[in-house]
Amino acid sequence: MPRNEQKLYEIARAHWCAPGERLVMGDHAAGHIGATVRGVSAAPHPPAVPGGSQVPDPSWPLPTDPVRTGRFWYDEWAEDPVVWGWAHAPGPDAAAAAVAAHMAGYADEAWLLLTDRRLAVSVESRFARPAERPGGLRGRVRGAFGDSQDPAGPLATCWEIPSAAVRGLRAVPLGRTPRPEWFIRIDFTDGSAFDFRPRRGAKAPDYVKSIYTGLAPRH
């Protein structure tokens, strides 16, 4: 999948969005994803996709040992440059944990897409694999034109929720240094949250403002 966000937008709007659906955010995982689930922190977060995925190895260095093992206070994980995102969830079934698990399985091929209708984790269709569900059942990969084990179109949806499940987005300064690391936080109605670094060069407050501008009703 192209790393150019504009190219991604063109592909998603042409082949992934439903008629009238507006894409307002598209970010790919540019580093490891960690999580704090039920008070236990670790990075990288275990992926949702089973083994055998043909996603190229991005060769990212591992997070520092304190971040990998959860031996840190508060949000120092944000100071580790190889960490791109972090989920905060009361349990593994929370929305933020699902985002982390599905994005972790596809490394830097994973895209987090937000429209006026849904939030989704998507990947190039040739890399898509069905995810494991509780009880050993495999989930379905949703293609550009519906559910499919062999997704149609260039993008496949690995996981999605309606936009009504997203309480809001905000820019948050994280870390314990005088110069904080700025992240975008997605708050979910189930009480979980997912933080990610805005694309290179983007200022988090301006980025959030642009997202809300895109979501504003059109007359």
C-alpha atoms as a PDB file:
ATOM      1  CA  MET A   1       0.000   0.000   0.000  1.00  0.00           C
ATOM      2  CA  PRO A   2       1.453   3.403  -0.839  1.00  0.00           C
ATOM      3  CA  ARG A   3       2.825   5.404   2.094  1.00  0.00           C
ATOM      4  CA  ASN A   4       1.559   8.591   0.475  1.00  0.00           C
ATOM      5  CA  GLU A   5      -1.607   9.533   2.351  1.00  0.00           C
ATOM      6  CA  GLN A   6      -3.069  11.317  -0.646  1.00  0.00           C
ATOM      7  CA  LYS A   7      -2.747   8.172  -2.770  1.00  0.00           C
ATOM      8  CA  LEU A   8      -4.351   6.135  -0.002  1.00  0.00           C
ATOM      9  CA  TYR A   9      -7.256   8.574   0.133  1.00  0.00           C
ATOM     10  CA  GLU A  10      -7.758   8.251  -3.615  1.00  0.00           C
ATOM     11  CA  ILE A  11      -7.811   4.443  -3.440  1.00  0.00           C
ATOM     12  CA  ALA A  12     -10.085   4.339  -0.379  1.00  0.00           C
ATOM     13  CA  ARG A  13     -12.559   6.849  -1.769  1.00  0.00           C
ATOM     14  CA  ALA A  14     -12.737   5.066  -5.110  1.00  0.00           C
ATOM     15  CA  HIS A  15     -12.847   1.444  -3.930  1.00  0.00           C
ATOM     16  CA  TRP A  16     -13.499   1.236  -0.172  1.00  0.00           C
ATOM     17  CA  CYS A  17     -15.932   3.982   0.847  1.00  0.00           C
ATOM     18  CA  ALA A  18     -19.631   3.463   0.261  1.00  0.00           C
ATOM     19  CA  PRO A  19     -21.476   6.001  -1.901  1.00  0.00           C
ATOM     20  CA  GLY A  20     -21.676   9.289  -0.013  1.00  0.00           C
ATOM     21  CA  GLU A  21     -19.264   8.139   2.722  1.00  0.00           C
ATOM     22  CA  ARG A  22     -16.625  10.734   3.622  1.00  0.00           C
ATOM     23  CA  LEU A  23     -13.078   9.670   4.543  1.00  0.00           C
ATOM     24  CA  VAL A  24     -11.564  12.158   7.012  1.00  0.00           C
ATOM     25  CA  MET A  25      -8.524  10.348   8.431  1.00  0.00           C
ATOM     26  CA  GLY A  26      -6.040   7.784   7.180  1.00  0.00           C
ATOM     27  CA  ASP A  27      -2.895   6.858   9.118  1.00  0.00           C
ATOM     28  CA  HIS A  28      -0.683   3.808   8.810  1.00  0.00           C
ATOM     29  CA  ALA A  29       1.180   2.206  11.700  1.00  0.00           C
ATOM     30  CA  ALA A  30       4.686   3.671  11.640  1.00  0.00           C
ATOM     31  CA  GLY A  31       5.986   1.683  14.599  1.00  0.00           C
ATOM     32  CA  HIS A  32       5.081  -0.853  17.260  1.00  0.00           C
ATOM     33  CA  ILE A  33       1.764  -0.817  19.100  1.00  0.00           C
ATOM     34  CA  GLY A  34       1.534  -1.408  22.823  1.00  0.00           C
ATOM     35  CA  ALA A  35      -1.357  -1.649  25.231  1.00  0.00           C
ATOM     36  CA  THR A  36      -2.431  -1.449  28.818  1.00  0.00           C
ATOM     37  CA  VAL A  37      -5.230  -3.966  29.254  1.00  0.00           C
ATOM     38  CA  ARG A  38      -6.722  -4.637  32.683  1.00  0.00           C
ATOM     39  CA  GLY A  39      -3.841  -2.671  34.173  1.00  0.00           C
ATOM     40  CA  VAL A  40      -1.126  -4.792  32.542  1.00  0.00           C
ATOM     41  CA  SER A  41       1.148  -2.987  30.067  1.00  0.00           C
ATOM     42  CA  ALA A  42       3.310  -4.490  27.329  1.00  0.00           C
ATOM     43  CA  ALA A  43       4.620  -3.798  23.844  1.00  0.00           C
ATOM     44  CA  PRO A  44       4.373  -5.031  21.173  1.00  0.00           C
ATOM     45  CA  HIS A  45       0.730  -5.981  21.652  1.00  0.00           C
ATOM     46  CA  PRO A  46      -0.173  -9.544  20.510  1.00  0.00           C
ATOM     47  CA  PRO A  47      -1.663  -9.491  16.991  1.00  0.00           C
ATOM     48  CA  ALA A  48      -5.184 -10.615  16.171  1.00  0.00           C
ATOM     49  CA  VAL A  49      -4.263 -12.179  12.839  1.00  0.00           C
ATOM     50  CA  PRO A  50      -3.012 -15.786  12.848  1.00  0.00           C
ATOM     51  CA  GLY A  51       0.421 -16.795  11.623  1.00  0.00           C
ATOM     52  CA  GLY A  52       1.192 -17.041   7.954  1.00  0.00           C
ATOM     53  CA  SER A  53       0.465 -13.475   6.927  1.00  0.00           C
ATOM     54  CA  GLN A  54       2.700 -12.360   4.069  1.00  0.00           C
ATOM     55  CA  VAL A  55       3.180  -8.854   5.406  1.00  0.00           C
ATOM     56  CA  PRO A  56       6.768  -7.679   4.825  1.00  0.00           C
ATOM     57  CA  ASP A  57       8.854  -7.317   7.987  1.00  0.00           C
ATOM     58  CA  PRO A  58       9.435  -3.582   8.582  1.00  0.00           C
ATOM     59  CA  SER A  59      12.512  -4.453  10.686  1.00  0.00           C
ATOM     60  CA  TRP A  60      11.580  -2.066  13.460  1.00  0.00           C
ATOM     61  CA  PRO A  61      13.848  -2.171  16.527  1.00  0.00           C
ATOM     62  CA  LEU A  62      12.089  -3.537  19.583  1.00  0.00           C
ATOM     63  CA  PRO A  63      10.835  -1.110  22.226  1.00  0.00           C
ATOM     64  CA  THR A  64      13.094  -0.561  25.205  1.00  0.00           C
ATOM     65  CA  ASP A  65      13.025  -3.245  27.857  1.00  0.00           C
ATOM     66  CA  PRO A  66      10.943  -1.202  30.378  1.00  0.00           C
ATOM     67  CA  VAL A  67       8.331  -0.531  27.683  1.00  0.00           C
ATOM     68  CA  ARG A  68       8.279  -4.153  26.486  1.00  0.00           C
ATOM     69  CA  THR A  69       7.724  -5.456  29.998  1.00  0.00           C
ATOM     70  CA  GLY A  70       5.503  -2.686  31.342  1.00  0.00           C
ATOM     71  CA  ARG A  71       8.034  -1.485  33.930  1.00  0.00           C
ATOM     72  CA  PHE A  72       7.262   2.197  33.659  1.00  0.00           C
ATOM     73  CA  TRP A  73       5.071   4.797  35.325  1.00  0.00           C
ATOM     74  CA  TYR A  74       2.202   6.599  33.649  1.00  0.00           C
ATOM     75  CA  ASP A  75       2.942   7.361  29.964  1.00  0.00           C
ATOM     76  CA  GLU A  76       6.730   7.105  29.533  1.00  0.00           C
ATOM     77  CA  TRP A  77       6.105   4.650  26.696  1.00  0.00           C
ATOM     78  CA  ALA A  78       5.376   7.724  24.537  1.00  0.00           C
ATOM     79  CA  GLU A  79       9.056   8.677  24.745  1.00  0.00           C
ATOM     80  CA  ASP A  80      10.114   5.466  22.973  1.00  0.00           C
ATOM     81  CA  PRO A  81      10.426   6.500  19.294  1.00  0.00           C
ATOM     82  CA  VAL A  82       9.655   3.006  17.966  1.00  0.00           C
ATOM     83  CA  VAL A  83       6.189   3.025  19.598  1.00  0.00           C
ATOM     84  CA  TRP A  84       3.534   4.395  17.236  1.00  0.00           C
ATOM     85  CA  GLY A  85       0.344   3.634  19.147  1.00  0.00           C
ATOM     86  CA  TRP A  86      -0.972   2.557  22.532  1.00  0.00           C
ATOM     87  CA  ALA A  87      -4.314   1.146  23.633  1.00  0.00           C
ATOM     88  CA  HIS A  88      -5.849   1.752  27.063  1.00  0.00           C
ATOM     89  CA  ALA A  89      -8.575  -0.791  27.711  1.00  0.00           C
ATOM     90  CA  PRO A  90     -10.475  -2.311  30.649  1.00  0.00           C
ATOM     91  CA  GLY A  91     -10.483  -5.678  28.874  1.00  0.00           C
ATOM     92  CA  PRO A  92      -9.438  -7.458  25.657  1.00  0.00           C
ATOM     93  CA  ASP A  93     -12.898  -7.021  24.117  1.00  0.00           C
ATOM     94  CA  ALA A  94     -12.783  -3.221  24.321  1.00  0.00           C
ATOM     95  CA  ALA A  95     -12.610  -1.232  21.086  1.00  0.00           C
ATOM     96  CA  ALA A  96      -9.130   0.169  21.718  1.00  0.00           C
ATOM     97  CA  ALA A  97      -7.731  -3.311  22.368  1.00  0.00           C
ATOM     98  CA  ALA A  98      -9.275  -4.491  19.107  1.00  0.00           C
ATOM     99  CA  VAL A  99      -7.663  -1.625  17.206  1.00  0.00           C
ATOM    100  CA  ALA A 100      -4.270  -2.500  18.706  1.00  0.00           C
ATOM    101  CA  ALA A 101      -4.593  -6.227  18.024  1.00  0.00           C
ATOM    102  CA  HIS A 102      -5.694  -5.850  14.412  1.00  0.00           C
ATOM    103  CA  MET A 103      -3.147  -3.166  13.550  1.00  0.00           C
ATOM    104  CA  ALA A 104      -0.322  -5.079  15.224  1.00  0.00           C
ATOM    105  CA  GLY A 105      -0.941  -8.056  12.955  1.00  0.00           C
ATOM    106  CA  TYR A 106      -0.178  -6.105   9.792  1.00  0.00           C
ATOM    107  CA  ALA A 107       2.766  -3.945  10.919  1.00  0.00           C
ATOM    108  CA  ASP A 108       3.232  -0.897   8.674  1.00  0.00           C
ATOM    109  CA  GLU A 109       0.752  -2.227   6.107  1.00  0.00           C
ATOM    110  CA  ALA A 110      -2.101  -1.478   8.539  1.00  0.00           C
ATOM    111  CA  TRP A 111      -4.173   1.661   8.067  1.00  0.00           C
ATOM    112  CA  LEU A 112      -6.482   3.284  10.594  1.00  0.00           C
ATOM    113  CA  LEU A 113      -9.304   4.898   8.628  1.00  0.00           C
ATOM    114  CA  LEU A 114     -12.049   7.169   9.937  1.00  0.00           C
ATOM    115  CA  THR A 115     -15.103   8.212   7.953  1.00  0.00           C
ATOM    116  CA  ASP A 116     -18.334   9.923   8.860  1.00  0.00           C
ATOM    117  CA  ARG A 117     -19.796   6.415   9.266  1.00  0.00           C
ATOM    118  CA  ARG A 118     -17.137   4.156  10.787  1.00  0.00           C
ATOM    119  CA  LEU A 119     -13.657   3.641  12.193  1.00  0.00           C
ATOM    120  CA  ALA A 120     -11.792   0.779  10.567  1.00  0.00           C
ATOM    121  CA  VAL A 121      -8.503  -1.056  10.427  1.00  0.00           C
ATOM    122  CA  SER A 122      -7.780  -1.827   6.792  1.00  0.00           C
ATOM    123  CA  VAL A 123      -5.009  -3.462   4.823  1.00  0.00           C
ATOM    124  CA  GLU A 124      -4.153  -4.152   1.222  1.00  0.00           C
ATOM    125  CA  SER A 125      -6.337  -7.090   0.208  1.00  0.00           C
ATOM    126  CA  ARG A 126      -3.424  -9.361  -0.755  1.00  0.00           C
ATOM    127  CA  PHE A 127      -2.195  -9.257   2.857  1.00  0.00           C
ATOM    128  CA  ALA A 128      -5.569  -9.816   4.557  1.00  0.00           C
ATOM    129  CA  ARG A 129      -6.032 -12.845   6.790  1.00  0.00           C
ATOM    130  CA  PRO A 130      -9.097 -13.840   8.868  1.00  0.00           C
ATOM    131  CA  ALA A 131      -8.679 -12.946  12.531  1.00  0.00           C
ATOM    132  CA  GLU A 132      -9.083 -15.336  15.439  1.00  0.00           C
ATOM    133  CA  ARG A 133     -12.209 -14.923  17.536  1.00  0.00           C
ATOM    134  CA  PRO A 134     -12.826 -16.182  21.068  1.00  0.00           C
ATOM    135  CA  GLY A 135     -13.451 -19.916  21.139  1.00  0.00           C
ATOM    136  CA  GLY A 136     -11.162 -20.644  18.222  1.00  0.00           C
ATOM    137  CA  LEU A 137     -13.554 -19.344  15.571  1.00  0.00           C
ATOM    138  CA  ARG A 138     -12.043 -17.327  12.775  1.00  0.00           C
ATOM    139  CA  GLY A 139     -13.469 -13.970  11.926  1.00  0.00           C
ATOM    140  CA  ARG A 140     -14.175 -12.815   8.412  1.00  0.00           C
ATOM    141  CA  VAL A 141     -12.215 -10.243   6.514  1.00  0.00           C
ATOM    142  CA  ARG A 142     -14.490  -7.629   5.069  1.00  0.00           C
ATOM    143  CA  GLY A 143     -13.558  -6.577   1.578  1.00  0.00           C
ATOM    144  CA  ALA A 144     -14.330  -3.372  -0.233  1.00  0.00           C
ATOM    145  CA  PHE A 145     -17.680  -4.769  -1.379  1.00  0.00           C
ATOM    146  CA  GLY A 146     -18.771  -6.846   1.625  1.00  0.00           C
ATOM    147  CA  ASP A 147     -17.689  -9.813   3.735  1.00  0.00           C
ATOM    148  CA  SER A 148     -15.399 -12.235   1.992  1.00  0.00           C
ATOM    149  CA  GLN A 149     -12.672 -14.762   2.720  1.00  0.00           C
ATOM    150  CA  ASP A 150     -11.128 -13.589  -0.563  1.00  0.00           C
ATOM    151  CA  PRO A 151     -11.676  -9.819  -0.337  1.00  0.00           C
ATOM    152  CA  ALA A 152     -12.565  -7.921  -3.479  1.00  0.00           C
ATOM    153  CA  GLY A 153     -10.991  -4.582  -4.295  1.00  0.00           C
ATOM    154  CA  PRO A 154      -7.593  -3.179  -3.286  1.00  0.00           C
ATOM    155  CA  LEU A 155      -8.468  -2.653   0.388  1.00  0.00           C
ATOM    156  CA  ALA A 156      -9.827  -5.150   2.910  1.00  0.00           C
ATOM    157  CA  THR A 157     -11.433  -4.198   6.218  1.00  0.00           C
ATOM    158  CA  CYS A 158      -9.991  -6.239   9.072  1.00  0.00           C
ATOM    159  CA  TRP A 159     -12.118  -4.648  11.791  1.00  0.00           C
ATOM    160  CA  GLU A 160     -14.573  -1.785  12.050  1.00  0.00           C
ATOM    161  CA  ILE A 161     -17.111  -0.141  14.343  1.00  0.00           C
ATOM    162  CA  PRO A 162     -19.779   2.502  13.663  1.00  0.00           C
ATOM    163  CA  SER A 163     -18.727   6.093  14.219  1.00  0.00           C
ATOM    164  CA  ALA A 164     -21.312   6.262  17.014  1.00  0.00           C
ATOM    165  CA  ALA A 165     -18.928   4.109  19.089  1.00  0.00           C
ATOM    166  CA  VAL A 166     -16.296   6.861  18.902  1.00  0.00           C
ATOM    167  CA  ARG A 167     -16.857   9.443  21.626  1.00  0.00           C
ATOM    168  CA  GLY A 168     -14.345  11.874  20.166  1.00  0.00           C
ATOM    169  CA  LEU A 169     -10.759  12.662  19.173  1.00  0.00           C
ATOM    170  CA  ARG A 170      -8.315  15.015  20.867  1.00  0.00           C
ATOM    171  CA  ALA A 171      -4.659  15.969  20.891  1.00  0.00           C
ATOM    172  CA  VAL A 172      -2.837  14.869  24.051  1.00  0.00           C
ATOM    173  CA  PRO A 173       0.690  15.685  25.289  1.00  0.00           C
ATOM    174  CA  LEU A 174       2.347  12.572  26.710  1.00  0.00           C
ATOM    175  CA  GLY A 175       5.604  11.627  28.388  1.00  0.00           C
ATOM    176  CA  ARG A 176       7.497  12.966  31.376  1.00  0.00           C
ATOM    177  CA  THR A 177      10.005  15.262  29.658  1.00  0.00           C
ATOM    178  CA  PRO A 178       9.765  19.092  29.412  1.00  0.00           C
ATOM    179  CA  ARG A 179       8.944  18.723  25.702  1.00  0.00           C
ATOM    180  CA  PRO A 180       5.989  16.312  25.492  1.00  0.00           C
ATOM    181  CA  GLU A 181       5.265  13.878  22.693  1.00  0.00           C
ATOM    182  CA  TRP A 182       1.978  14.797  21.001  1.00  0.00           C
ATOM    183  CA  PHE A 183      -0.464  12.050  20.136  1.00  0.00           C
ATOM    184  CA  ILE A 184      -3.992  11.811  18.777  1.00  0.00           C
ATOM    185  CA  ARG A 185      -6.339  10.090  21.236  1.00  0.00           C
ATOM    186  CA  ILE A 186      -9.469   8.298  20.068  1.00  0.00           C
ATOM    187  CA  ASP A 187     -11.926   7.941  22.954  1.00  0.00           C
ATOM    188  CA  PHE A 188     -14.521   5.186  22.661  1.00  0.00           C
ATOM    189  CA  THR A 189     -17.922   5.000  24.281  1.00  0.00           C
ATOM    190  CA  ASP A 190     -16.920   1.774  26.071  1.00  0.00           C
ATOM    191  CA  GLY A 191     -14.372   3.702  28.124  1.00  0.00           C
ATOM    192  CA  SER A 192     -11.278   2.585  26.229  1.00  0.00           C
ATOM    193  CA  ALA A 193      -8.924   4.835  24.262  1.00  0.00           C
ATOM    194  CA  PHE A 194      -6.305   4.504  21.544  1.00  0.00           C
ATOM    195  CA  ASP A 195      -3.364   6.883  21.145  1.00  0.00           C
ATOM    196  CA  PHE A 196      -1.288   7.219  17.972  1.00  0.00           C
ATOM    197  CA  ARG A 197       1.377   9.537  16.637  1.00  0.00           C
ATOM    198  CA  PRO A 198       0.131  11.894  13.933  1.00  0.00           C
ATOM    199  CA  ARG A 199       1.795  11.542  10.560  1.00  0.00           C
ATOM    200  CA  ARG A 200       5.216  13.082  10.214  1.00  0.00           C
ATOM    201  CA  GLY A 201       5.168  16.853  10.187  1.00  0.00           C
ATOM    202  CA  ALA A 202       1.551  17.125  11.358  1.00  0.00           C
ATOM    203  CA  LYS A 203       0.773  19.070  14.513  1.00  0.00           C
ATOM    204  CA  ALA A 204      -1.657  17.080  16.634  1.00  0.00           C
ATOM    205  CA  PRO A 205      -4.048  19.966  17.523  1.00  0.00           C
ATOM    206  CA  ASP A 206      -4.251  21.074  13.882  1.00  0.00           C
ATOM    207  CA  TYR A 207      -4.739  17.491  12.761  1.00  0.00           C
ATOM    208  CA  VAL A 208      -7.666  16.962  15.119  1.00  0.00           C
ATOM    209  CA  LYS A 209      -9.187  20.239  13.961  1.00  0.00           C
ATOM    210  CA  SER A 210      -8.945  19.109  10.328  1.00  0.00           C
ATOM    211  CA  ILE A 211     -10.662  15.809  11.179  1.00  0.00           C
ATOM    212  CA  TYR A 212     -13.589  17.598  12.811  1.00  0.00           C
ATOM    213  CA  THR A 213     -13.793  19.957   9.858  1.00  0.00           C
ATOM    214  CA  GLY A 214     -14.129  16.915   7.603  1.00  0.00           C
ATOM    215  CA  LEU A 215     -16.824  15.435   9.852  1.00  0.00           C
ATOM    216  CA  ALA A 216     -18.896  18.611   9.982  1.00  0.00           C
ATOM    217  CA  PRO A 217     -22.311  18.319   8.284  1.00  0.00           C
ATOM    218  CA  ARG A 218     -22.412  19.590   4.728  1.00  0.00           C
ATOM    219  CA  HIS A 219     -25.260  21.748   3.556  1.00  0.00           C
END
